[in-house]
Amino acid sequence: MSNDRAGHAATIILHRIRQNWRWSKAHSWAHLIEEHDLNPLVRGRRAIRKTWWRLAQREQKAPPAPLFLVGVQRSGTNLLAHGLDELPEFQVYNEGNTKAFDNYRMRALPTIEQLVGQGSAKFVLFKPLCDSHRTPEMLEHFGTRARAIWAYRNVDGRVRSAIAKFGDSNLRVLRAFAAGEEQTPWNTWQIAGLSAENADFVRSFDLDDLTAESGAALFWYVRNALYFELGLHQRSDTILVNYDEFLAEPERVAIGVCRFLEIPYRKAMIASIDPRRPSQRPPFPIDPRIRERCTALKERLDMTCSAQLARLTGERTVARPASPRPTTVAAHP
């Protein structure tokens, strides 16, 4: 390995150590182990169940299909990926798996295609969050077999989790972009796919005066806006999953996801979830213009997600009461 490559690898390792150390201080090491699926007992039991299922399905094996789990970081994608991984129809490549990812960026599509072809399950799941802006490209590369799930959550929940794990990294990247600084390979993905309208919206702020919380909320907005800007709401091979609803009504959401993927629903998918509504913490003091954009986008996502889930579960679409619009507060816990 050259000195440059060795130095790059060392930088990445140090960055991940710092992220996980910050996360462990904000939460706990047990939470970290659960999030990264590091418990050997859980992984061992899952591997045994899948082996038995796949042996029983040998005569009925169809070509594996790719499933892309996308969206904005800290939006509950780990919980959804772990739930799907409990089902025998899935083989999972999380974003830290070096066979499918290089520094959290998905490898070239021919490499992904090879991994899918080698799969032993019905679906081979990839979690390319840093490549969410490439979702149409990924789906079209694989044709009718491919599926995508775009996960999202309420902006304050995402901001709280992102600040705990990443600090002010979202704000720093947006500042560099607005200032016209050259983007590094580490940060380029964060502004990739940014529409001209949203690029102007980002530049309309004095980003030196924004807080880390407002920066993380602005990032939530521009990345989740891609769902509509890319036309994913018009595709039958893509659905939304609301993390907050998944926590509140896990079985209902899980059934919808399984019907979308045309696989049997099994309770193992939600066995680790204790149904609960999002905690009613005071909202963050986010810049009012950013808050207004986030609220409007969240309402549009919620309406689209509810309609999709109603179609999948055969429910009558019922208009849910809109969440109260948060007001800026002086402090947060």
C-alpha atoms as a PDB file:
ATOM      1  CA  MET A   1       0.000   0.000   0.000  1.00  0.00           C
ATOM      2  CA  SER A   2       1.367   3.471  -0.925  1.00  0.00           C
ATOM      3  CA  ASN A   3       1.970   6.073   1.760  1.00  0.00           C
ATOM      4  CA  ASP A   4      -0.928   8.176   0.387  1.00  0.00           C
ATOM      5  CA  ARG A   5      -3.386   5.273   0.532  1.00  0.00           C
ATOM      6  CA  ALA A   6      -2.154   4.272   3.981  1.00  0.00           C
ATOM      7  CA  GLY A   7      -2.592   7.831   5.204  1.00  0.00           C
ATOM      8  CA  HIS A   8      -6.102   8.011   3.708  1.00  0.00           C
ATOM      9  CA  ALA A   9      -7.086   4.716   5.364  1.00  0.00           C
ATOM     10  CA  ALA A  10      -5.723   5.924   8.711  1.00  0.00           C
ATOM     11  CA  THR A  11      -7.694   9.172   8.408  1.00  0.00           C
ATOM     12  CA  ILE A  12     -10.915   7.258   7.756  1.00  0.00           C
ATOM     13  CA  ILE A  13     -10.331   4.933  10.719  1.00  0.00           C
ATOM     14  CA  LEU A  14      -9.598   7.873  13.034  1.00  0.00           C
ATOM     15  CA  HIS A  15     -12.731   9.678  11.812  1.00  0.00           C
ATOM     16  CA  ARG A  16     -14.916   6.622  12.526  1.00  0.00           C
ATOM     17  CA  ILE A  17     -13.396   6.184  15.997  1.00  0.00           C
ATOM     18  CA  ARG A  18     -14.184   9.814  16.821  1.00  0.00           C
ATOM     19  CA  GLN A  19     -17.754   9.494  15.532  1.00  0.00           C
ATOM     20  CA  ASN A  20     -18.421   6.353  17.544  1.00  0.00           C
ATOM     21  CA  TRP A  21     -16.802   7.797  20.664  1.00  0.00           C
ATOM     22  CA  ARG A  22     -19.025  10.901  20.405  1.00  0.00           C
ATOM     23  CA  TRP A  23     -22.059   8.652  19.867  1.00  0.00           C
ATOM     24  CA  SER A  24     -21.198   6.431  22.856  1.00  0.00           C
ATOM     25  CA  LYS A  25     -20.937   9.489  25.123  1.00  0.00           C
ATOM     26  CA  ALA A  26     -24.334  10.753  23.972  1.00  0.00           C
ATOM     27  CA  HIS A  27     -25.989   7.333  24.223  1.00  0.00           C
ATOM     28  CA  SER A  28     -24.235   4.117  25.316  1.00  0.00           C
ATOM     29  CA  TRP A  29     -21.903   1.406  24.056  1.00  0.00           C
ATOM     30  CA  ALA A  30     -24.801  -1.053  24.223  1.00  0.00           C
ATOM     31  CA  HIS A  31     -26.763   1.197  21.860  1.00  0.00           C
ATOM     32  CA  LEU A  32     -23.738   1.382  19.556  1.00  0.00           C
ATOM     33  CA  ILE A  33     -23.413  -2.430  19.473  1.00  0.00           C
ATOM     34  CA  GLU A  34     -27.117  -2.752  18.662  1.00  0.00           C
ATOM     35  CA  GLU A  35     -27.018  -0.072  15.969  1.00  0.00           C
ATOM     36  CA  HIS A  36     -24.061  -1.649  14.166  1.00  0.00           C
ATOM     37  CA  ASP A  37     -25.412  -5.180  14.648  1.00  0.00           C
ATOM     38  CA  LEU A  38     -22.299  -6.376  16.490  1.00  0.00           C
ATOM     39  CA  ASN A  39     -23.926  -8.847  18.911  1.00  0.00           C
ATOM     40  CA  PRO A  40     -22.514 -12.282  17.927  1.00  0.00           C
ATOM     41  CA  LEU A  41     -25.428 -14.178  19.495  1.00  0.00           C
ATOM     42  CA  VAL A  42     -28.011 -12.264  17.473  1.00  0.00           C
ATOM     43  CA  ARG A  43     -25.978 -12.633  14.294  1.00  0.00           C
ATOM     44  CA  GLY A  44     -25.408 -16.370  14.920  1.00  0.00           C
ATOM     45  CA  ARG A  45     -29.090 -17.189  15.493  1.00  0.00           C
ATOM     46  CA  ARG A  46     -30.023 -15.219  12.395  1.00  0.00           C
ATOM     47  CA  ALA A  47     -27.448 -17.036  10.248  1.00  0.00           C
ATOM     48  CA  ILE A  48     -28.745 -20.449  11.361  1.00  0.00           C
ATOM     49  CA  ARG A  49     -32.387 -19.537  10.579  1.00  0.00           C
ATOM     50  CA  LYS A  50     -31.438 -18.271   7.144  1.00  0.00           C
ATOM     51  CA  THR A  51     -29.362 -21.323   6.324  1.00  0.00           C
ATOM     52  CA  TRP A  52     -32.258 -23.682   7.079  1.00  0.00           C
ATOM     53  CA  TRP A  53     -34.694 -21.559   5.054  1.00  0.00           C
ATOM     54  CA  ARG A  54     -32.394 -21.374   2.042  1.00  0.00           C
ATOM     55  CA  LEU A  55     -31.777 -25.117   2.090  1.00  0.00           C
ATOM     56  CA  ALA A  56     -35.538 -25.644   1.992  1.00  0.00           C
ATOM     57  CA  GLN A  57     -35.888 -23.196  -0.930  1.00  0.00           C
ATOM     58  CA  ARG A  58     -33.153 -24.639  -3.150  1.00  0.00           C
ATOM     59  CA  GLU A  59     -35.570 -26.036  -5.734  1.00  0.00           C
ATOM     60  CA  GLN A  60     -37.561 -22.786  -5.971  1.00  0.00           C
ATOM     61  CA  LYS A  61     -34.692 -20.304  -6.127  1.00  0.00           C
ATOM     62  CA  ALA A  62     -35.287 -17.266  -8.365  1.00  0.00           C
ATOM     63  CA  PRO A  63     -32.563 -14.773  -9.346  1.00  0.00           C
ATOM     64  CA  PRO A  64     -31.829 -12.374  -6.452  1.00  0.00           C
ATOM     65  CA  ALA A  65     -33.026  -8.776  -6.751  1.00  0.00           C
ATOM     66  CA  PRO A  66     -31.386  -5.636  -5.316  1.00  0.00           C
ATOM     67  CA  LEU A  67     -33.131  -3.501  -2.702  1.00  0.00           C
ATOM     68  CA  PHE A  68     -31.698  -0.036  -2.004  1.00  0.00           C
ATOM     69  CA  LEU A  69     -32.426   1.506   1.398  1.00  0.00           C
ATOM     70  CA  VAL A  70     -31.846   5.239   0.982  1.00  0.00           C
ATOM     71  CA  GLY A  71     -32.636   8.586   2.598  1.00  0.00           C
ATOM     72  CA  VAL A  72     -30.855  10.900   5.019  1.00  0.00           C
ATOM     73  CA  GLN A  73     -28.460   9.636   7.669  1.00  0.00           C
ATOM     74  CA  ARG A  74     -29.923   9.256  11.182  1.00  0.00           C
ATOM     75  CA  SER A  75     -33.419   8.518   9.846  1.00  0.00           C
ATOM     76  CA  GLY A  76     -33.948   5.046  11.304  1.00  0.00           C
ATOM     77  CA  THR A  77     -32.412   3.115   8.419  1.00  0.00           C
ATOM     78  CA  ASN A  78     -30.440   0.842  10.755  1.00  0.00           C
ATOM     79  CA  LEU A  79     -33.604  -0.277  12.534  1.00  0.00           C
ATOM     80  CA  LEU A  80     -35.295  -1.045   9.227  1.00  0.00           C
ATOM     81  CA  ALA A  81     -32.227  -2.823   7.811  1.00  0.00           C
ATOM     82  CA  HIS A  82     -31.874  -4.981  10.941  1.00  0.00           C
ATOM     83  CA  GLY A  83     -35.585  -5.823  10.819  1.00  0.00           C
ATOM     84  CA  LEU A  84     -35.369  -6.937   7.196  1.00  0.00           C
ATOM     85  CA  ASP A  85     -32.181  -8.840   7.961  1.00  0.00           C
ATOM     86  CA  GLU A  86     -34.201 -10.972  10.383  1.00  0.00           C
ATOM     87  CA  LEU A  87     -36.195 -12.299   7.433  1.00  0.00           C
ATOM     88  CA  PRO A  88     -34.673 -15.222   5.527  1.00  0.00           C
ATOM     89  CA  GLU A  89     -35.380 -13.592   2.165  1.00  0.00           C
ATOM     90  CA  PHE A  90     -32.679 -10.982   2.770  1.00  0.00           C
ATOM     91  CA  GLN A  91     -28.933 -10.730   2.507  1.00  0.00           C
ATOM     92  CA  VAL A  92     -27.722  -7.348   3.782  1.00  0.00           C
ATOM     93  CA  TYR A  93     -24.735  -5.201   2.836  1.00  0.00           C
ATOM     94  CA  ASN A  94     -24.721  -2.293   5.260  1.00  0.00           C
ATOM     95  CA  GLU A  95     -22.782   0.854   4.408  1.00  0.00           C
ATOM     96  CA  GLY A  96     -19.743  -0.283   6.396  1.00  0.00           C
ATOM     97  CA  ASN A  97     -19.326  -3.488   4.368  1.00  0.00           C
ATOM     98  CA  THR A  98     -16.201  -3.019   2.248  1.00  0.00           C
ATOM     99  CA  LYS A  99     -17.332  -5.502  -0.407  1.00  0.00           C
ATOM    100  CA  ALA A 100     -20.107  -3.133  -1.454  1.00  0.00           C
ATOM    101  CA  PHE A 101     -18.876   0.227  -0.112  1.00  0.00           C
ATOM    102  CA  ASP A 102     -15.718   2.310  -0.056  1.00  0.00           C
ATOM    103  CA  ASN A 103     -15.800   4.848   2.772  1.00  0.00           C
ATOM    104  CA  TYR A 104     -19.620   4.650   2.848  1.00  0.00           C
ATOM    105  CA  ARG A 105     -19.899   5.319  -0.903  1.00  0.00           C
ATOM    106  CA  MET A 106     -21.308   2.513  -2.993  1.00  0.00           C
ATOM    107  CA  ARG A 107     -18.869   0.785  -5.294  1.00  0.00           C
ATOM    108  CA  ALA A 108     -19.313   0.754  -9.079  1.00  0.00           C
ATOM    109  CA  LEU A 109     -22.601  -0.715 -10.273  1.00  0.00           C
ATOM    110  CA  PRO A 110     -20.926  -3.686 -12.035  1.00  0.00           C
ATOM    111  CA  THR A 111     -19.457  -4.643  -8.634  1.00  0.00           C
ATOM    112  CA  ILE A 112     -22.894  -4.351  -7.033  1.00  0.00           C
ATOM    113  CA  GLU A 113     -24.378  -6.409  -9.856  1.00  0.00           C
ATOM    114  CA  GLN A 114     -21.816  -9.135  -9.176  1.00  0.00           C
ATOM    115  CA  LEU A 115     -22.721  -9.175  -5.476  1.00  0.00           C
ATOM    116  CA  VAL A 116     -26.406  -9.431  -6.343  1.00  0.00           C
ATOM    117  CA  GLY A 117     -25.700 -12.320  -8.710  1.00  0.00           C
ATOM    118  CA  GLN A 118     -23.796 -14.147  -5.976  1.00  0.00           C
ATOM    119  CA  GLY A 119     -26.621 -13.660  -3.474  1.00  0.00           C
ATOM    120  CA  SER A 120     -28.328 -16.582  -1.833  1.00  0.00           C
ATOM    121  CA  ALA A 121     -31.559 -14.787  -0.863  1.00  0.00           C
ATOM    122  CA  LYS A 122     -34.523 -13.298  -2.679  1.00  0.00           C
ATOM    123  CA  PHE A 123     -33.312  -9.753  -2.019  1.00  0.00           C
ATOM    124  CA  VAL A 124     -29.812  -8.373  -1.604  1.00  0.00           C
ATOM    125  CA  LEU A 125     -30.190  -5.198   0.438  1.00  0.00           C
ATOM    126  CA  PHE A 126     -27.736  -2.296   0.151  1.00  0.00           C
ATOM    127  CA  LYS A 127     -27.831   0.878   2.264  1.00  0.00           C
ATOM    128  CA  PRO A 128     -26.174   3.555   0.083  1.00  0.00           C
ATOM    129  CA  LEU A 129     -27.285   6.628   2.040  1.00  0.00           C
ATOM    130  CA  CYS A 130     -24.451   8.745   0.651  1.00  0.00           C
ATOM    131  CA  ASP A 131     -25.640   7.831  -2.851  1.00  0.00           C
ATOM    132  CA  SER A 132     -29.345   8.504  -2.322  1.00  0.00           C
ATOM    133  CA  HIS A 133     -29.228  11.114  -5.109  1.00  0.00           C
ATOM    134  CA  ARG A 134     -28.371   8.246  -7.486  1.00  0.00           C
ATOM    135  CA  THR A 135     -31.495   6.207  -6.687  1.00  0.00           C
ATOM    136  CA  PRO A 136     -33.035   6.460 -10.198  1.00  0.00           C
ATOM    137  CA  GLU A 137     -29.701   5.472 -11.747  1.00  0.00           C
ATOM    138  CA  MET A 138     -29.413   2.439  -9.464  1.00  0.00           C
ATOM    139  CA  LEU A 139     -32.982   1.301 -10.137  1.00  0.00           C
ATOM    140  CA  GLU A 140     -32.704   1.731 -13.890  1.00  0.00           C
ATOM    141  CA  HIS A 141     -29.416  -0.165 -14.026  1.00  0.00           C
ATOM    142  CA  PHE A 142     -31.119  -3.273 -12.626  1.00  0.00           C
ATOM    143  CA  GLY A 143     -34.463  -2.890 -14.378  1.00  0.00           C
ATOM    144  CA  THR A 144     -37.769  -4.253 -13.119  1.00  0.00           C
ATOM    145  CA  ARG A 145     -36.214  -6.491 -10.447  1.00  0.00           C
ATOM    146  CA  ALA A 146     -34.891  -3.607  -8.335  1.00  0.00           C
ATOM    147  CA  ARG A 147     -36.703  -1.864  -5.477  1.00  0.00           C
ATOM    148  CA  ALA A 148     -35.950   1.125  -3.251  1.00  0.00           C
ATOM    149  CA  ILE A 149     -37.149   2.313   0.158  1.00  0.00           C
ATOM    150  CA  TRP A 150     -36.654   5.967   1.136  1.00  0.00           C
ATOM    151  CA  ALA A 151     -36.680   6.319   4.942  1.00  0.00           C
ATOM    152  CA  TYR A 152     -37.277   9.632   6.721  1.00  0.00           C
ATOM    153  CA  ARG A 153     -38.115  10.947  10.178  1.00  0.00           C
ATOM    154  CA  ASN A 154     -39.175  14.205  11.834  1.00  0.00           C
ATOM    155  CA  VAL A 155     -36.589  16.941  11.498  1.00  0.00           C
ATOM    156  CA  ASP A 156     -35.970  17.488  15.240  1.00  0.00           C
ATOM    157  CA  GLY A 157     -35.358  13.782  15.822  1.00  0.00           C
ATOM    158  CA  ARG A 158     -32.907  13.672  12.934  1.00  0.00           C
ATOM    159  CA  VAL A 159     -31.151  16.872  14.092  1.00  0.00           C
ATOM    160  CA  ARG A 160     -30.763  15.530  17.633  1.00  0.00           C
ATOM    161  CA  SER A 161     -29.284  12.242  16.413  1.00  0.00           C
ATOM    162  CA  ALA A 162     -27.068  13.857  13.760  1.00  0.00           C
ATOM    163  CA  ILE A 163     -25.558  16.383  16.185  1.00  0.00           C
ATOM    164  CA  ALA A 164     -24.879  13.594  18.682  1.00  0.00           C
ATOM    165  CA  LYS A 165     -22.998  11.506  16.122  1.00  0.00           C
ATOM    166  CA  PHE A 166     -21.617  13.962  13.547  1.00  0.00           C
ATOM    167  CA  GLY A 167     -21.360  17.235  15.439  1.00  0.00           C
ATOM    168  CA  ASP A 168     -21.534  20.246  13.110  1.00  0.00           C
ATOM    169  CA  SER A 169     -20.346  18.390   9.992  1.00  0.00           C
ATOM    170  CA  ASN A 170     -23.518  19.185   7.980  1.00  0.00           C
ATOM    171  CA  LEU A 171     -23.105  22.900   8.675  1.00  0.00           C
ATOM    172  CA  ARG A 172     -19.402  22.871   7.783  1.00  0.00           C
ATOM    173  CA  VAL A 173     -20.073  21.223   4.427  1.00  0.00           C
ATOM    174  CA  LEU A 174     -22.858  23.665   3.565  1.00  0.00           C
ATOM    175  CA  ARG A 175     -20.625  26.597   4.536  1.00  0.00           C
ATOM    176  CA  ALA A 176     -17.873  25.343   2.240  1.00  0.00           C
ATOM    177  CA  PHE A 177     -20.359  24.870  -0.588  1.00  0.00           C
ATOM    178  CA  ALA A 178     -21.876  28.355  -0.180  1.00  0.00           C
ATOM    179  CA  ALA A 179     -18.384  29.887  -0.074  1.00  0.00           C
ATOM    180  CA  GLY A 180     -17.471  28.154  -3.338  1.00  0.00           C
ATOM    181  CA  GLU A 181     -14.682  26.134  -1.767  1.00  0.00           C
ATOM    182  CA  GLU A 182     -13.457  23.029  -3.550  1.00  0.00           C
ATOM    183  CA  GLN A 183     -15.261  19.969  -2.223  1.00  0.00           C
ATOM    184  CA  THR A 184     -13.244  17.020  -0.974  1.00  0.00           C
ATOM    185  CA  PRO A 185     -14.138  13.419  -1.919  1.00  0.00           C
ATOM    186  CA  TRP A 186     -15.231  13.033   1.706  1.00  0.00           C
ATOM    187  CA  ASN A 187     -17.873  15.773   1.381  1.00  0.00           C
ATOM    188  CA  THR A 188     -18.879  15.880  -2.295  1.00  0.00           C
ATOM    189  CA  TRP A 189     -21.830  13.514  -1.850  1.00  0.00           C
ATOM    190  CA  GLN A 190     -23.498  15.838   0.651  1.00  0.00           C
ATOM    191  CA  ILE A 191     -24.277  18.446  -2.002  1.00  0.00           C
ATOM    192  CA  ALA A 192     -24.578  16.033  -4.953  1.00  0.00           C
ATOM    193  CA  GLY A 193     -27.883  16.286  -6.802  1.00  0.00           C
ATOM    194  CA  LEU A 194     -28.655  19.656  -5.199  1.00  0.00           C
ATOM    195  CA  SER A 195     -31.229  21.472  -7.350  1.00  0.00           C
ATOM    196  CA  ALA A 196     -30.556  25.027  -8.533  1.00  0.00           C
ATOM    197  CA  GLU A 197     -33.447  26.269  -6.377  1.00  0.00           C
ATOM    198  CA  ASN A 198     -32.139  24.619  -3.222  1.00  0.00           C
ATOM    199  CA  ALA A 199     -28.570  25.672  -3.990  1.00  0.00           C
ATOM    200  CA  ASP A 200     -29.821  29.272  -4.057  1.00  0.00           C
ATOM    201  CA  PHE A 201     -31.741  28.660  -0.833  1.00  0.00           C
ATOM    202  CA  VAL A 202     -28.566  27.426   0.899  1.00  0.00           C
ATOM    203  CA  ARG A 203     -26.580  30.421  -0.367  1.00  0.00           C
ATOM    204  CA  SER A 204     -29.284  32.823   0.839  1.00  0.00           C
ATOM    205  CA  PHE A 205     -28.140  32.315   4.442  1.00  0.00           C
ATOM    206  CA  ASP A 206     -25.202  33.760   6.298  1.00  0.00           C
ATOM    207  CA  LEU A 207     -24.000  30.286   7.187  1.00  0.00           C
ATOM    208  CA  ASP A 208     -21.396  31.651   9.597  1.00  0.00           C
ATOM    209  CA  ASP A 209     -24.280  32.768  11.800  1.00  0.00           C
ATOM    210  CA  LEU A 210     -26.265  29.507  11.626  1.00  0.00           C
ATOM    211  CA  THR A 211     -26.151  27.060  14.511  1.00  0.00           C
ATOM    212  CA  ALA A 212     -25.173  23.427  14.066  1.00  0.00           C
ATOM    213  CA  GLU A 213     -28.846  22.533  14.643  1.00  0.00           C
ATOM    214  CA  SER A 214     -30.032  24.824  11.846  1.00  0.00           C
ATOM    215  CA  GLY A 215     -27.316  23.422   9.579  1.00  0.00           C
ATOM    216  CA  ALA A 216     -28.438  19.843  10.269  1.00  0.00           C
ATOM    217  CA  ALA A 217     -32.067  20.835   9.612  1.00  0.00           C
ATOM    218  CA  LEU A 218     -31.108  22.531   6.328  1.00  0.00           C
ATOM    219  CA  PHE A 219     -29.298  19.353   5.339  1.00  0.00           C
ATOM    220  CA  TRP A 220     -32.440  17.323   6.240  1.00  0.00           C
ATOM    221  CA  TYR A 221     -34.415  19.568   3.930  1.00  0.00           C
ATOM    222  CA  VAL A 222     -32.183  19.543   0.833  1.00  0.00           C
ATOM    223  CA  ARG A 223     -31.547  15.791   0.965  1.00  0.00           C
ATOM    224  CA  ASN A 224     -35.158  14.731   1.628  1.00  0.00           C
ATOM    225  CA  ALA A 225     -36.356  17.148  -1.073  1.00  0.00           C
ATOM    226  CA  LEU A 226     -34.564  14.864  -3.542  1.00  0.00           C
ATOM    227  CA  TYR A 227     -37.325  12.284  -3.097  1.00  0.00           C
ATOM    228  CA  PHE A 228     -39.705  14.527  -5.034  1.00  0.00           C
ATOM    229  CA  GLU A 229     -37.129  16.285  -7.221  1.00  0.00           C
ATOM    230  CA  LEU A 230     -35.937  12.915  -8.555  1.00  0.00           C
ATOM    231  CA  GLY A 231     -39.522  11.851  -9.276  1.00  0.00           C
ATOM    232  CA  LEU A 232     -39.343   8.900  -6.892  1.00  0.00           C
ATOM    233  CA  HIS A 233     -42.906   9.597  -5.722  1.00  0.00           C
ATOM    234  CA  GLN A 234     -44.077   8.698  -9.232  1.00  0.00           C
ATOM    235  CA  ARG A 235     -42.352   5.308  -9.360  1.00  0.00           C
ATOM    236  CA  SER A 236     -43.995   2.010  -8.435  1.00  0.00           C
ATOM    237  CA  ASP A 237     -40.619   0.489  -7.492  1.00  0.00           C
ATOM    238  CA  THR A 238     -40.013   2.934  -4.626  1.00  0.00           C
ATOM    239  CA  ILE A 239     -41.831   3.650  -1.369  1.00  0.00           C
ATOM    240  CA  LEU A 240     -41.428   5.899   1.651  1.00  0.00           C
ATOM    241  CA  VAL A 241     -41.091   4.613   5.216  1.00  0.00           C
ATOM    242  CA  ASN A 242     -41.719   7.023   8.083  1.00  0.00           C
ATOM    243  CA  TYR A 243     -39.421   6.005  10.952  1.00  0.00           C
ATOM    244  CA  ASP A 244     -41.660   7.667  13.541  1.00  0.00           C
ATOM    245  CA  GLU A 245     -44.656   5.661  12.303  1.00  0.00           C
ATOM    246  CA  PHE A 246     -42.533   2.511  12.225  1.00  0.00           C
ATOM    247  CA  LEU A 247     -41.810   3.004  15.930  1.00  0.00           C
ATOM    248  CA  ALA A 248     -45.431   3.840  16.754  1.00  0.00           C
ATOM    249  CA  GLU A 249     -47.131   1.130  14.650  1.00  0.00           C
ATOM    250  CA  PRO A 250     -44.381  -1.332  13.722  1.00  0.00           C
ATOM    251  CA  GLU A 251     -46.626  -4.175  12.559  1.00  0.00           C
ATOM    252  CA  ARG A 252     -48.737  -1.968  10.290  1.00  0.00           C
ATOM    253  CA  VAL A 253     -45.656  -0.444   8.609  1.00  0.00           C
ATOM    254  CA  ALA A 254     -43.839  -3.791   8.395  1.00  0.00           C
ATOM    255  CA  ILE A 255     -46.830  -5.417   6.705  1.00  0.00           C
ATOM    256  CA  GLY A 256     -46.872  -2.608   4.156  1.00  0.00           C
ATOM    257  CA  VAL A 257     -43.158  -3.014   3.435  1.00  0.00           C
ATOM    258  CA  CYS A 258     -43.529  -6.788   3.029  1.00  0.00           C
ATOM    259  CA  ARG A 259     -46.451  -6.374   0.646  1.00  0.00           C
ATOM    260  CA  PHE A 260     -44.458  -3.868  -1.394  1.00  0.00           C
ATOM    261  CA  LEU A 261     -41.665  -6.466  -1.668  1.00  0.00           C
ATOM    262  CA  GLU A 262     -44.142  -9.329  -2.202  1.00  0.00           C
ATOM    263  CA  ILE A 263     -42.810 -11.446   0.664  1.00  0.00           C
ATOM    264  CA  PRO A 264     -44.607 -12.953   3.696  1.00  0.00           C
ATOM    265  CA  TYR A 265     -44.751 -10.793   6.802  1.00  0.00           C
ATOM    266  CA  ARG A 266     -43.113 -12.337   9.869  1.00  0.00           C
ATOM    267  CA  LYS A 267     -43.140 -10.960  13.409  1.00  0.00           C
ATOM    268  CA  ALA A 268     -39.346 -11.436  13.601  1.00  0.00           C
ATOM    269  CA  MET A 269     -39.059  -8.213  11.592  1.00  0.00           C
ATOM    270  CA  ILE A 270     -40.326  -6.134  14.526  1.00  0.00           C
ATOM    271  CA  ALA A 271     -39.405  -8.363  17.478  1.00  0.00           C
ATOM    272  CA  SER A 272     -36.888  -5.826  18.844  1.00  0.00           C
ATOM    273  CA  ILE A 273     -39.231  -2.814  18.611  1.00  0.00           C
ATOM    274  CA  ASP A 274     -41.150  -1.549  21.628  1.00  0.00           C
ATOM    275  CA  PRO A 275     -43.998   0.465  20.037  1.00  0.00           C
ATOM    276  CA  ARG A 276     -43.783   4.109  21.060  1.00  0.00           C
ATOM    277  CA  ARG A 277     -44.591   7.556  19.804  1.00  0.00           C
ATOM    278  CA  PRO A 278     -41.769  10.095  19.371  1.00  0.00           C
ATOM    279  CA  SER A 279     -40.876  11.784  22.638  1.00  0.00           C
ATOM    280  CA  GLN A 280     -42.462  15.197  23.047  1.00  0.00           C
ATOM    281  CA  ARG A 281     -39.268  17.192  23.547  1.00  0.00           C
ATOM    282  CA  PRO A 282     -39.193  20.937  22.894  1.00  0.00           C
ATOM    283  CA  PRO A 283     -38.244  21.723  19.286  1.00  0.00           C
ATOM    284  CA  PHE A 284     -34.771  22.986  18.478  1.00  0.00           C
ATOM    285  CA  PRO A 285     -34.154  26.705  17.898  1.00  0.00           C
ATOM    286  CA  ILE A 286     -33.921  26.283  14.124  1.00  0.00           C
ATOM    287  CA  ASP A 287     -33.809  29.290  11.792  1.00  0.00           C
ATOM    288  CA  PRO A 288     -37.465  30.204  10.993  1.00  0.00           C
ATOM    289  CA  ARG A 289     -37.043  30.054   7.200  1.00  0.00           C
ATOM    290  CA  ILE A 290     -35.463  26.607   7.431  1.00  0.00           C
ATOM    291  CA  ARG A 291     -38.144  25.469   9.875  1.00  0.00           C
ATOM    292  CA  GLU A 292     -40.887  26.589   7.476  1.00  0.00           C
ATOM    293  CA  ARG A 293     -39.359  24.649   4.569  1.00  0.00           C
ATOM    294  CA  CYS A 294     -38.865  21.536   6.705  1.00  0.00           C
ATOM    295  CA  THR A 295     -42.438  21.624   8.008  1.00  0.00           C
ATOM    296  CA  ALA A 296     -43.912  21.919   4.509  1.00  0.00           C
ATOM    297  CA  LEU A 297     -41.720  19.109   3.160  1.00  0.00           C
ATOM    298  CA  LYS A 298     -42.512  16.863   6.136  1.00  0.00           C
ATOM    299  CA  GLU A 299     -46.241  17.321   5.539  1.00  0.00           C
ATOM    300  CA  ARG A 300     -45.822  16.399   1.867  1.00  0.00           C
ATOM    301  CA  LEU A 301     -43.754  13.328   2.752  1.00  0.00           C
ATOM    302  CA  ASP A 302     -46.328  12.272   5.360  1.00  0.00           C
ATOM    303  CA  MET A 303     -49.236  12.588   2.931  1.00  0.00           C
ATOM    304  CA  THR A 304     -47.422  10.597   0.244  1.00  0.00           C
ATOM    305  CA  CYS A 305     -46.287   7.937   2.718  1.00  0.00           C
ATOM    306  CA  SER A 306     -49.776   7.527   4.209  1.00  0.00           C
ATOM    307  CA  ALA A 307     -51.338   7.100   0.760  1.00  0.00           C
ATOM    308  CA  GLN A 308     -48.727   4.504  -0.228  1.00  0.00           C
ATOM    309  CA  LEU A 309     -49.201   2.536   2.982  1.00  0.00           C
ATOM    310  CA  ALA A 310     -52.989   2.636   2.672  1.00  0.00           C
ATOM    311  CA  ARG A 311     -52.788   1.183  -0.839  1.00  0.00           C
ATOM    312  CA  LEU A 312     -50.449  -1.589   0.292  1.00  0.00           C
ATOM    313  CA  THR A 313     -52.457  -2.579   3.363  1.00  0.00           C
ATOM    314  CA  GLY A 314     -55.890  -2.119   1.776  1.00  0.00           C
ATOM    315  CA  GLU A 315     -56.874   0.542   4.300  1.00  0.00           C
ATOM    316  CA  ARG A 316     -59.154   3.439   3.556  1.00  0.00           C
ATOM    317  CA  THR A 317     -57.015   6.566   3.379  1.00  0.00           C
ATOM    318  CA  VAL A 318     -57.766   8.666   6.429  1.00  0.00           C
ATOM    319  CA  ALA A 319     -56.443  12.184   6.782  1.00  0.00           C
ATOM    320  CA  ARG A 320     -54.360  12.254   9.921  1.00  0.00           C
ATOM    321  CA  PRO A 321     -54.362  15.474  11.958  1.00  0.00           C
ATOM    322  CA  ALA A 322     -51.399  17.628  11.068  1.00  0.00           C
ATOM    323  CA  SER A 323     -48.676  17.845  13.668  1.00  0.00           C
ATOM    324  CA  PRO A 324     -48.599  21.191  15.434  1.00  0.00           C
ATOM    325  CA  ARG A 325     -46.093  23.494  13.785  1.00  0.00           C
ATOM    326  CA  PRO A 326     -43.086  23.882  16.083  1.00  0.00           C
ATOM    327  CA  THR A 327     -42.163  27.331  17.265  1.00  0.00           C
ATOM    328  CA  THR A 328     -38.640  28.507  17.878  1.00  0.00           C
ATOM    329  CA  VAL A 329     -37.591  28.126  21.486  1.00  0.00           C
ATOM    330  CA  ALA A 330     -34.725  29.629  23.373  1.00  0.00           C
ATOM    331  CA  ALA A 331     -33.101  26.402  24.433  1.00  0.00           C
ATOM    332  CA  HIS A 332     -33.331  22.659  24.043  1.00  0.00           C
ATOM    333  CA  PRO A 333     -32.500  19.772  26.394  1.00  0.00           C
END
